[in-house]
């Protein structure tokens, strides 16, 4: 899905590849990533479009079609919904911001644009980053300590 975000990825196709029902796939995907599959796909398309707006001189229409959109209007509306800015505004702002970063290594710039994967991991574990017990964690008994029954937190 990430490698070919310009293709159509209906839940039925994803569920079929995963050998599970559509409902189970959609529920599991949302639990793992925090968003439904369709929203995830839209976000990946917008990320790719943003990179092309920043790095190429292609017309916005070409970028929209190359990143999997069938309608320029839908592309623009969805782009604004997700980023809060129009594609044209993003092109101008991203290029202006990049001018001041000409001496920064490309690997550092690339890392700055990566999503924070800890968010999905923490959501899946349902525990805060500080390690404190959250409200959704159950208690379990730890019998490893000298035969006594110590209580420890276990993720839900």
N, C-alpha and C. Protein backbone atom coordinates (compact mmCIF):
# COMPACT_ATOMS: atom_id res chain seq x y z
N UNK A 1 0.83 -1.19 0.00
CA UNK A 1 0.00 0.00 0.00
C UNK A 1 0.88 1.25 0.00
N UNK A 2 1.94 1.26 0.80
CA UNK A 2 2.84 2.40 0.82
C UNK A 2 3.62 2.52 -0.49
N UNK A 3 4.07 1.40 -1.01
CA UNK A 3 4.90 1.41 -2.21
C UNK A 3 4.11 1.80 -3.46
N UNK A 4 2.81 1.56 -3.46
CA UNK A 4 1.98 1.85 -4.63
C UNK A 4 0.74 2.62 -4.19
N UNK A 5 0.95 3.74 -3.50
CA UNK A 5 -0.19 4.50 -2.99
C UNK A 5 -1.01 5.15 -4.10
N UNK A 6 -0.48 5.17 -5.32
CA UNK A 6 -1.23 5.74 -6.44
C UNK A 6 -2.27 4.76 -6.98
N UNK A 7 -2.22 3.49 -6.54
CA UNK A 7 -3.20 2.49 -6.98
C UNK A 7 -4.43 2.53 -6.07
N UNK A 8 -5.51 1.91 -6.54
CA UNK A 8 -6.70 1.75 -5.70
C UNK A 8 -6.46 0.61 -4.73
N UNK A 9 -6.81 0.83 -3.47
CA UNK A 9 -6.65 -0.19 -2.43
C UNK A 9 -7.94 -0.32 -1.63
N UNK A 10 -8.99 -0.88 -2.24
CA UNK A 10 -10.22 -1.06 -1.47
C UNK A 10 -10.00 -2.09 -0.35
N UNK A 11 -10.77 -1.96 0.71
CA UNK A 11 -10.65 -2.87 1.84
C UNK A 11 -10.84 -4.31 1.38
N UNK A 12 -11.71 -4.53 0.41
CA UNK A 12 -11.93 -5.90 -0.08
C UNK A 12 -10.64 -6.51 -0.64
N UNK A 13 -9.85 -5.71 -1.35
CA UNK A 13 -8.58 -6.20 -1.90
C UNK A 13 -7.58 -6.50 -0.78
N UNK A 14 -7.48 -5.59 0.18
CA UNK A 14 -6.55 -5.77 1.29
C UNK A 14 -6.94 -6.97 2.14
N UNK A 15 -8.24 -7.12 2.40
CA UNK A 15 -8.71 -8.25 3.20
C UNK A 15 -8.46 -9.57 2.47
N UNK A 16 -8.66 -9.58 1.17
CA UNK A 16 -8.44 -10.79 0.38
C UNK A 16 -6.97 -11.21 0.43
N UNK A 17 -6.08 -10.26 0.27
CA UNK A 17 -4.64 -10.55 0.34
C UNK A 17 -4.26 -11.06 1.72
N UNK A 18 -4.92 -10.54 2.75
CA UNK A 18 -4.63 -10.93 4.13
C UNK A 18 -5.38 -12.18 4.58
N UNK A 19 -6.29 -12.68 3.74
CA UNK A 19 -7.10 -13.87 4.05
C UNK A 19 -7.95 -13.69 5.31
N UNK A 20 -8.55 -12.51 5.45
CA UNK A 20 -9.48 -12.25 6.55
C UNK A 20 -10.70 -11.53 5.98
N UNK A 21 -11.74 -11.40 6.79
CA UNK A 21 -12.93 -10.69 6.33
C UNK A 21 -12.64 -9.20 6.25
N UNK A 22 -13.45 -8.50 5.47
CA UNK A 22 -13.29 -7.05 5.34
C UNK A 22 -13.45 -6.35 6.68
N UNK A 23 -14.45 -6.75 7.45
CA UNK A 23 -14.70 -6.12 8.75
C UNK A 23 -13.52 -6.35 9.70
N UNK A 24 -13.00 -7.56 9.72
CA UNK A 24 -11.87 -7.86 10.60
C UNK A 24 -10.64 -7.07 10.17
N UNK A 25 -10.38 -7.00 8.86
CA UNK A 25 -9.23 -6.26 8.37
C UNK A 25 -9.34 -4.78 8.75
N UNK A 26 -10.49 -4.18 8.47
CA UNK A 26 -10.68 -2.75 8.76
C UNK A 26 -10.51 -2.48 10.25
N UNK A 27 -11.08 -3.32 11.09
CA UNK A 27 -10.99 -3.14 12.54
C UNK A 27 -9.54 -3.30 13.02
N UNK A 28 -8.85 -4.32 12.53
CA UNK A 28 -7.46 -4.57 12.93
C UNK A 28 -6.53 -3.47 12.44
N UNK A 29 -6.77 -2.99 11.22
CA UNK A 29 -5.95 -1.93 10.65
C UNK A 29 -6.08 -0.66 11.49
N UNK A 30 -7.31 -0.30 11.81
CA UNK A 30 -7.53 0.91 12.60
C UNK A 30 -6.92 0.77 13.99
N UNK A 31 -7.00 -0.41 14.57
CA UNK A 31 -6.41 -0.63 15.88
C UNK A 31 -4.88 -0.48 15.83
N UNK A 32 -4.27 -0.98 14.76
CA UNK A 32 -2.81 -0.93 14.63
C UNK A 32 -2.28 0.45 14.25
N UNK A 33 -2.99 1.15 13.36
CA UNK A 33 -2.47 2.41 12.82
C UNK A 33 -3.20 3.65 13.32
N UNK A 34 -4.32 3.47 13.99
CA UNK A 34 -5.04 4.61 14.54
C UNK A 34 -5.98 5.30 13.57
N UNK A 35 -5.98 4.89 12.32
CA UNK A 35 -6.87 5.46 11.31
C UNK A 35 -7.38 4.33 10.41
N UNK A 36 -8.54 4.51 9.79
CA UNK A 36 -9.04 3.50 8.86
C UNK A 36 -8.13 3.38 7.63
N UNK A 37 -8.17 2.26 6.92
CA UNK A 37 -7.30 2.06 5.75
C UNK A 37 -7.42 3.17 4.70
N UNK A 38 -8.63 3.63 4.43
CA UNK A 38 -8.81 4.66 3.40
C UNK A 38 -8.13 5.96 3.80
N UNK A 39 -8.26 6.35 5.06
CA UNK A 39 -7.62 7.59 5.54
C UNK A 39 -6.10 7.46 5.49
N UNK A 40 -5.59 6.28 5.82
CA UNK A 40 -4.16 6.02 5.76
C UNK A 40 -3.66 6.21 4.32
N UNK A 41 -4.40 5.64 3.36
CA UNK A 41 -4.03 5.76 1.96
C UNK A 41 -4.05 7.21 1.50
N UNK A 42 -5.08 7.95 1.89
CA UNK A 42 -5.15 9.36 1.51
C UNK A 42 -3.96 10.14 2.07
N UNK A 43 -3.59 9.84 3.30
CA UNK A 43 -2.46 10.53 3.92
C UNK A 43 -1.17 10.21 3.19
N UNK A 44 -0.95 8.95 2.80
CA UNK A 44 0.25 8.59 2.04
C UNK A 44 0.28 9.33 0.70
N UNK A 45 -0.88 9.43 0.04
CA UNK A 45 -0.93 10.14 -1.24
C UNK A 45 -0.59 11.62 -1.06
N UNK A 46 -1.10 12.21 -0.01
CA UNK A 46 -0.82 13.63 0.24
C UNK A 46 0.66 13.82 0.57
N UNK A 47 1.26 12.90 1.31
CA UNK A 47 2.70 12.99 1.61
C UNK A 47 3.52 12.95 0.32
N UNK A 48 3.16 12.05 -0.59
CA UNK A 48 3.89 11.97 -1.86
C UNK A 48 3.67 13.21 -2.72
N UNK A 49 2.46 13.70 -2.72
CA UNK A 49 2.17 14.92 -3.47
C UNK A 49 2.96 16.09 -2.90
N UNK A 50 3.05 16.18 -1.58
CA UNK A 50 3.80 17.26 -0.94
C UNK A 50 5.27 17.20 -1.35
N UNK A 51 5.84 16.01 -1.38
CA UNK A 51 7.24 15.86 -1.80
C UNK A 51 7.42 16.29 -3.25
N UNK A 52 6.47 15.93 -4.12
CA UNK A 52 6.58 16.33 -5.52
C UNK A 52 6.37 17.83 -5.70
N UNK A 53 5.49 18.42 -4.90
CA UNK A 53 5.30 19.87 -4.97
C UNK A 53 6.59 20.59 -4.57
N UNK A 54 7.26 20.06 -3.58
CA UNK A 54 8.48 20.67 -3.06
C UNK A 54 9.66 20.44 -4.01
N UNK A 55 9.76 19.23 -4.57
CA UNK A 55 10.99 18.84 -5.27
C UNK A 55 10.94 18.91 -6.79
N UNK A 56 9.76 19.12 -7.37
CA UNK A 56 9.68 19.15 -8.84
C UNK A 56 8.99 20.43 -9.30
N UNK A 57 9.05 20.65 -10.60
CA UNK A 57 8.34 21.77 -11.21
C UNK A 57 7.11 21.30 -11.96
N UNK A 58 6.68 20.07 -11.71
CA UNK A 58 5.50 19.54 -12.38
C UNK A 58 4.27 20.38 -12.04
N UNK A 59 3.36 20.54 -12.99
CA UNK A 59 2.11 21.23 -12.68
C UNK A 59 1.33 20.46 -11.61
N UNK A 60 0.55 21.17 -10.81
CA UNK A 60 -0.23 20.55 -9.74
C UNK A 60 -1.16 19.48 -10.29
N UNK A 61 -1.73 19.71 -11.47
CA UNK A 61 -2.62 18.71 -12.08
C UNK A 61 -1.87 17.40 -12.32
N UNK A 62 -0.66 17.47 -12.86
CA UNK A 62 0.13 16.25 -13.10
C UNK A 62 0.44 15.53 -11.79
N UNK A 63 0.79 16.29 -10.77
CA UNK A 63 1.10 15.69 -9.47
C UNK A 63 -0.14 14.98 -8.92
N UNK A 64 -1.29 15.60 -9.06
CA UNK A 64 -2.53 14.99 -8.57
C UNK A 64 -2.75 13.63 -9.24
N UNK A 65 -2.63 13.58 -10.55
CA UNK A 65 -2.87 12.32 -11.27
C UNK A 65 -1.77 11.29 -11.01
N UNK A 66 -0.53 11.72 -10.86
CA UNK A 66 0.57 10.79 -10.58
C UNK A 66 0.46 10.16 -9.19
N UNK A 67 -0.18 10.85 -8.27
CA UNK A 67 -0.29 10.33 -6.91
C UNK A 67 -1.61 9.61 -6.66
N UNK A 68 -2.36 9.33 -7.73
CA UNK A 68 -3.52 8.46 -7.61
C UNK A 68 -4.88 9.13 -7.57
N UNK A 69 -4.94 10.42 -7.78
CA UNK A 69 -6.23 11.12 -7.76
C UNK A 69 -6.82 11.12 -9.15
N UNK A 70 -8.12 10.97 -9.24
CA UNK A 70 -8.80 10.98 -10.54
C UNK A 70 -9.42 12.34 -10.84
N UNK A 71 -9.47 13.19 -9.83
CA UNK A 71 -10.09 14.50 -9.99
C UNK A 71 -9.24 15.55 -9.28
N UNK A 72 -8.96 16.64 -9.99
CA UNK A 72 -8.18 17.72 -9.39
C UNK A 72 -8.95 18.36 -8.24
N UNK A 73 -10.27 18.46 -8.36
CA UNK A 73 -11.08 19.03 -7.29
C UNK A 73 -11.02 18.21 -6.01
N UNK A 74 -11.12 16.89 -6.16
CA UNK A 74 -11.04 16.01 -4.99
C UNK A 74 -9.65 16.08 -4.37
N UNK A 75 -8.62 16.12 -5.21
CA UNK A 75 -7.25 16.25 -4.72
C UNK A 75 -7.10 17.52 -3.89
N UNK A 76 -7.52 18.65 -4.45
CA UNK A 76 -7.38 19.93 -3.74
C UNK A 76 -8.15 19.96 -2.43
N UNK A 77 -9.38 19.46 -2.46
CA UNK A 77 -10.21 19.46 -1.24
C UNK A 77 -9.61 18.56 -0.16
N UNK A 78 -9.19 17.36 -0.55
CA UNK A 78 -8.61 16.42 0.42
C UNK A 78 -7.27 16.95 0.93
N UNK A 79 -6.48 17.53 0.04
CA UNK A 79 -5.19 18.10 0.42
C UNK A 79 -5.39 19.17 1.50
N UNK A 80 -6.36 20.06 1.28
CA UNK A 80 -6.66 21.11 2.27
C UNK A 80 -7.17 20.52 3.58
N UNK A 81 -8.02 19.49 3.49
CA UNK A 81 -8.56 18.85 4.70
C UNK A 81 -7.44 18.28 5.56
N UNK A 82 -6.45 17.66 4.92
CA UNK A 82 -5.38 16.99 5.67
C UNK A 82 -4.29 17.95 6.11
N UNK A 83 -3.89 18.87 5.24
CA UNK A 83 -2.76 19.75 5.56
C UNK A 83 -3.17 21.13 6.07
N UNK A 84 -4.39 21.52 5.79
CA UNK A 84 -4.82 22.86 6.17
C UNK A 84 -4.39 23.94 5.19
N UNK A 85 -3.74 23.53 4.10
CA UNK A 85 -3.26 24.48 3.08
C UNK A 85 -3.56 23.93 1.70
N UNK A 86 -3.61 24.81 0.71
CA UNK A 86 -3.82 24.36 -0.66
C UNK A 86 -2.50 23.83 -1.22
N UNK A 87 -2.55 23.02 -2.28
CA UNK A 87 -1.30 22.54 -2.89
C UNK A 87 -0.37 23.68 -3.33
N UNK A 88 -0.94 24.75 -3.87
CA UNK A 88 -0.12 25.89 -4.29
C UNK A 88 0.58 26.56 -3.11
N UNK A 89 -0.13 26.71 -1.99
CA UNK A 89 0.47 27.30 -0.79
C UNK A 89 1.60 26.42 -0.27
N UNK A 90 1.38 25.12 -0.28
CA UNK A 90 2.41 24.20 0.20
C UNK A 90 3.65 24.30 -0.68
N UNK A 91 3.46 24.38 -1.99
CA UNK A 91 4.61 24.48 -2.90
C UNK A 91 5.45 25.71 -2.57
N UNK A 92 4.81 26.83 -2.41
CA UNK A 92 5.53 28.07 -2.11
C UNK A 92 6.23 27.98 -0.75
N UNK A 93 5.51 27.53 0.28
CA UNK A 93 6.06 27.49 1.64
C UNK A 93 7.17 26.46 1.78
N UNK A 94 7.00 25.28 1.19
CA UNK A 94 8.03 24.23 1.29
C UNK A 94 9.31 24.66 0.59
N UNK A 95 9.18 25.29 -0.55
CA UNK A 95 10.38 25.74 -1.28
C UNK A 95 11.09 26.86 -0.53
N UNK A 96 10.32 27.76 0.06
CA UNK A 96 10.92 28.85 0.83
C UNK A 96 11.66 28.29 2.05
N UNK A 97 11.06 27.33 2.71
CA UNK A 97 11.68 26.73 3.90
C UNK A 97 12.95 25.98 3.52
N UNK A 98 12.95 25.39 2.36
CA UNK A 98 14.09 24.59 1.93
C UNK A 98 15.31 25.44 1.58
N UNK A 99 15.07 26.66 1.15
CA UNK A 99 16.20 27.53 0.79
C UNK A 99 17.15 27.74 1.96
N UNK A 100 16.61 27.81 3.16
CA UNK A 100 17.46 28.02 4.34
C UNK A 100 18.16 26.76 4.81
N UNK A 101 17.85 25.63 4.20
CA UNK A 101 18.40 24.35 4.64
C UNK A 101 19.35 23.73 3.62
N UNK A 102 19.92 24.53 2.76
CA UNK A 102 20.75 24.00 1.68
C UNK A 102 21.99 23.27 2.17
N UNK A 103 22.52 23.63 3.34
CA UNK A 103 23.74 23.00 3.85
C UNK A 103 23.47 21.85 4.81
N UNK A 104 22.21 21.51 5.05
CA UNK A 104 21.87 20.41 5.94
C UNK A 104 21.90 19.11 5.12
N UNK A 105 22.54 18.05 5.64
CA UNK A 105 22.61 16.78 4.90
C UNK A 105 21.22 16.23 4.58
N UNK A 106 21.11 15.60 3.43
CA UNK A 106 19.82 15.06 2.96
C UNK A 106 19.25 14.04 3.93
N UNK A 107 20.10 13.24 4.58
CA UNK A 107 19.60 12.22 5.51
C UNK A 107 18.90 12.86 6.70
N UNK A 108 19.37 14.01 7.14
CA UNK A 108 18.75 14.73 8.26
C UNK A 108 17.41 15.31 7.82
N UNK A 109 17.38 15.89 6.63
CA UNK A 109 16.13 16.44 6.11
C UNK A 109 15.09 15.35 5.92
N UNK A 110 15.51 14.20 5.41
CA UNK A 110 14.58 13.08 5.22
C UNK A 110 14.01 12.59 6.53
N UNK A 111 14.84 12.52 7.55
CA UNK A 111 14.38 12.06 8.86
C UNK A 111 13.36 13.03 9.45
N UNK A 112 13.51 14.29 9.16
CA UNK A 112 12.58 15.29 9.71
C UNK A 112 11.18 15.15 9.14
N UNK A 113 11.06 14.55 7.95
CA UNK A 113 9.75 14.40 7.31
C UNK A 113 9.11 13.04 7.55
N UNK A 114 9.80 12.17 8.26
CA UNK A 114 9.22 10.84 8.55
C UNK A 114 8.18 10.94 9.64
N UNK A 115 7.13 10.11 9.56
CA UNK A 115 6.13 10.12 10.64
C UNK A 115 6.72 9.52 11.91
N UNK A 116 6.20 9.93 13.05
CA UNK A 116 6.64 9.41 14.33
C UNK A 116 6.00 8.05 14.55
N UNK A 117 6.77 6.99 14.36
CA UNK A 117 6.23 5.64 14.46
C UNK A 117 5.92 5.24 15.89
N UNK A 118 6.48 5.96 16.86
CA UNK A 118 6.18 5.63 18.26
C UNK A 118 4.71 5.81 18.56
N UNK A 119 4.05 6.70 17.84
CA UNK A 119 2.63 6.94 18.08
C UNK A 119 1.83 5.67 17.86
N UNK A 120 2.05 5.00 16.73
CA UNK A 120 1.31 3.77 16.44
C UNK A 120 1.65 2.68 17.45
N UNK A 121 2.93 2.59 17.82
CA UNK A 121 3.34 1.56 18.78
C UNK A 121 2.69 1.82 20.13
N UNK A 122 2.71 3.06 20.58
CA UNK A 122 2.11 3.39 21.87
C UNK A 122 0.61 3.18 21.86
N UNK A 123 -0.05 3.52 20.74
CA UNK A 123 -1.49 3.29 20.66
C UNK A 123 -1.79 1.80 20.73
N UNK A 124 -0.96 1.01 20.08
CA UNK A 124 -1.19 -0.42 20.09
C UNK A 124 -1.00 -0.99 21.49
N UNK A 125 -0.01 -0.50 22.19
CA UNK A 125 0.25 -0.98 23.55
C UNK A 125 -0.70 -0.39 24.57
N UNK A 126 -1.32 0.72 24.19
CA UNK A 126 -2.23 1.44 25.08
C UNK A 126 -1.56 1.83 26.39
N UNK A 127 -0.35 2.31 26.29
CA UNK A 127 0.33 2.77 27.49
C UNK A 127 1.10 4.04 27.17
N UNK A 128 1.22 4.93 28.13
CA UNK A 128 1.92 6.18 27.89
C UNK A 128 3.43 5.96 27.74
N UNK A 129 4.08 6.92 27.09
CA UNK A 129 5.52 6.82 26.83
C UNK A 129 6.33 6.85 28.12
N UNK A 130 5.80 7.44 29.19
CA UNK A 130 6.57 7.54 30.42
C UNK A 130 6.59 6.24 31.22
N UNK A 131 5.88 5.20 30.75
CA UNK A 131 5.91 3.90 31.40
C UNK A 131 4.96 3.74 32.56
N UNK A 132 4.24 4.78 32.92
CA UNK A 132 3.29 4.67 34.03
C UNK A 132 2.09 3.85 33.60
N UNK A 133 1.49 3.22 34.58
CA UNK A 133 0.34 2.36 34.30
C UNK A 133 -0.82 3.21 33.82
N UNK A 134 -1.39 2.84 32.68
CA UNK A 134 -2.55 3.54 32.14
C UNK A 134 -3.84 2.93 32.62
N UNK A 135 -4.97 3.58 32.36
CA UNK A 135 -6.26 3.10 32.84
C UNK A 135 -6.72 1.80 32.19
N UNK A 136 -6.19 1.47 31.01
CA UNK A 136 -6.63 0.26 30.30
C UNK A 136 -5.76 -0.96 30.58
N UNK A 137 -4.81 -0.84 31.50
CA UNK A 137 -3.93 -1.96 31.77
C UNK A 137 -4.51 -2.82 32.88
N UNK A 138 -4.38 -4.13 32.70
CA UNK A 138 -4.84 -5.08 33.70
C UNK A 138 -3.70 -5.42 34.64
N UNK A 139 -4.04 -5.98 35.78
CA UNK A 139 -3.02 -6.42 36.71
C UNK A 139 -2.78 -7.91 36.51
N UNK A 140 -1.54 -8.31 36.69
CA UNK A 140 -1.23 -9.74 36.67
C UNK A 140 -0.26 -10.01 37.81
N UNK A 141 -0.18 -11.23 38.21
CA UNK A 141 0.70 -11.58 39.32
C UNK A 141 2.03 -12.06 38.78
N UNK A 142 3.11 -11.56 39.38
CA UNK A 142 4.46 -11.93 38.97
C UNK A 142 5.00 -12.90 40.01
N UNK A 143 5.11 -14.16 39.63
CA UNK A 143 5.55 -15.18 40.58
C UNK A 143 7.06 -15.38 40.52
N UNK A 144 7.78 -14.55 39.76
CA UNK A 144 9.22 -14.72 39.64
C UNK A 144 9.97 -14.26 40.89
N UNK A 145 9.36 -13.48 41.73
CA UNK A 145 10.05 -12.91 42.88
C UNK A 145 9.88 -13.78 44.12
N UNK A 146 10.85 -14.53 44.45
CA UNK A 146 10.96 -15.36 45.67
C UNK A 146 9.66 -16.03 46.09
N UNK A 147 8.94 -16.54 45.14
CA UNK A 147 7.75 -17.30 45.47
C UNK A 147 6.56 -16.48 45.92
N UNK A 148 6.73 -15.21 46.18
CA UNK A 148 5.60 -14.39 46.60
C UNK A 148 4.87 -13.87 45.38
N UNK A 149 3.71 -13.38 45.60
CA UNK A 149 2.89 -12.91 44.48
C UNK A 149 2.92 -11.39 44.45
N UNK A 150 3.81 -10.84 43.61
CA UNK A 150 3.90 -9.40 43.43
C UNK A 150 3.01 -9.00 42.26
N UNK A 151 2.36 -7.89 42.39
CA UNK A 151 1.50 -7.41 41.31
C UNK A 151 2.31 -6.51 40.40
N UNK A 152 2.18 -6.73 39.10
CA UNK A 152 2.83 -5.86 38.12
C UNK A 152 1.82 -5.49 37.05
N UNK A 153 2.04 -4.36 36.41
CA UNK A 153 1.13 -3.91 35.35
C UNK A 153 1.44 -4.67 34.08
N UNK A 154 0.41 -5.03 33.35
CA UNK A 154 0.56 -5.71 32.08
C UNK A 154 -0.31 -5.00 31.06
N UNK A 155 0.22 -4.74 29.84
CA UNK A 155 -0.59 -4.05 28.83
C UNK A 155 -1.87 -4.82 28.54
N UNK A 156 -2.94 -4.04 28.22
CA UNK A 156 -4.27 -4.59 27.94
C UNK A 156 -4.25 -5.47 26.78
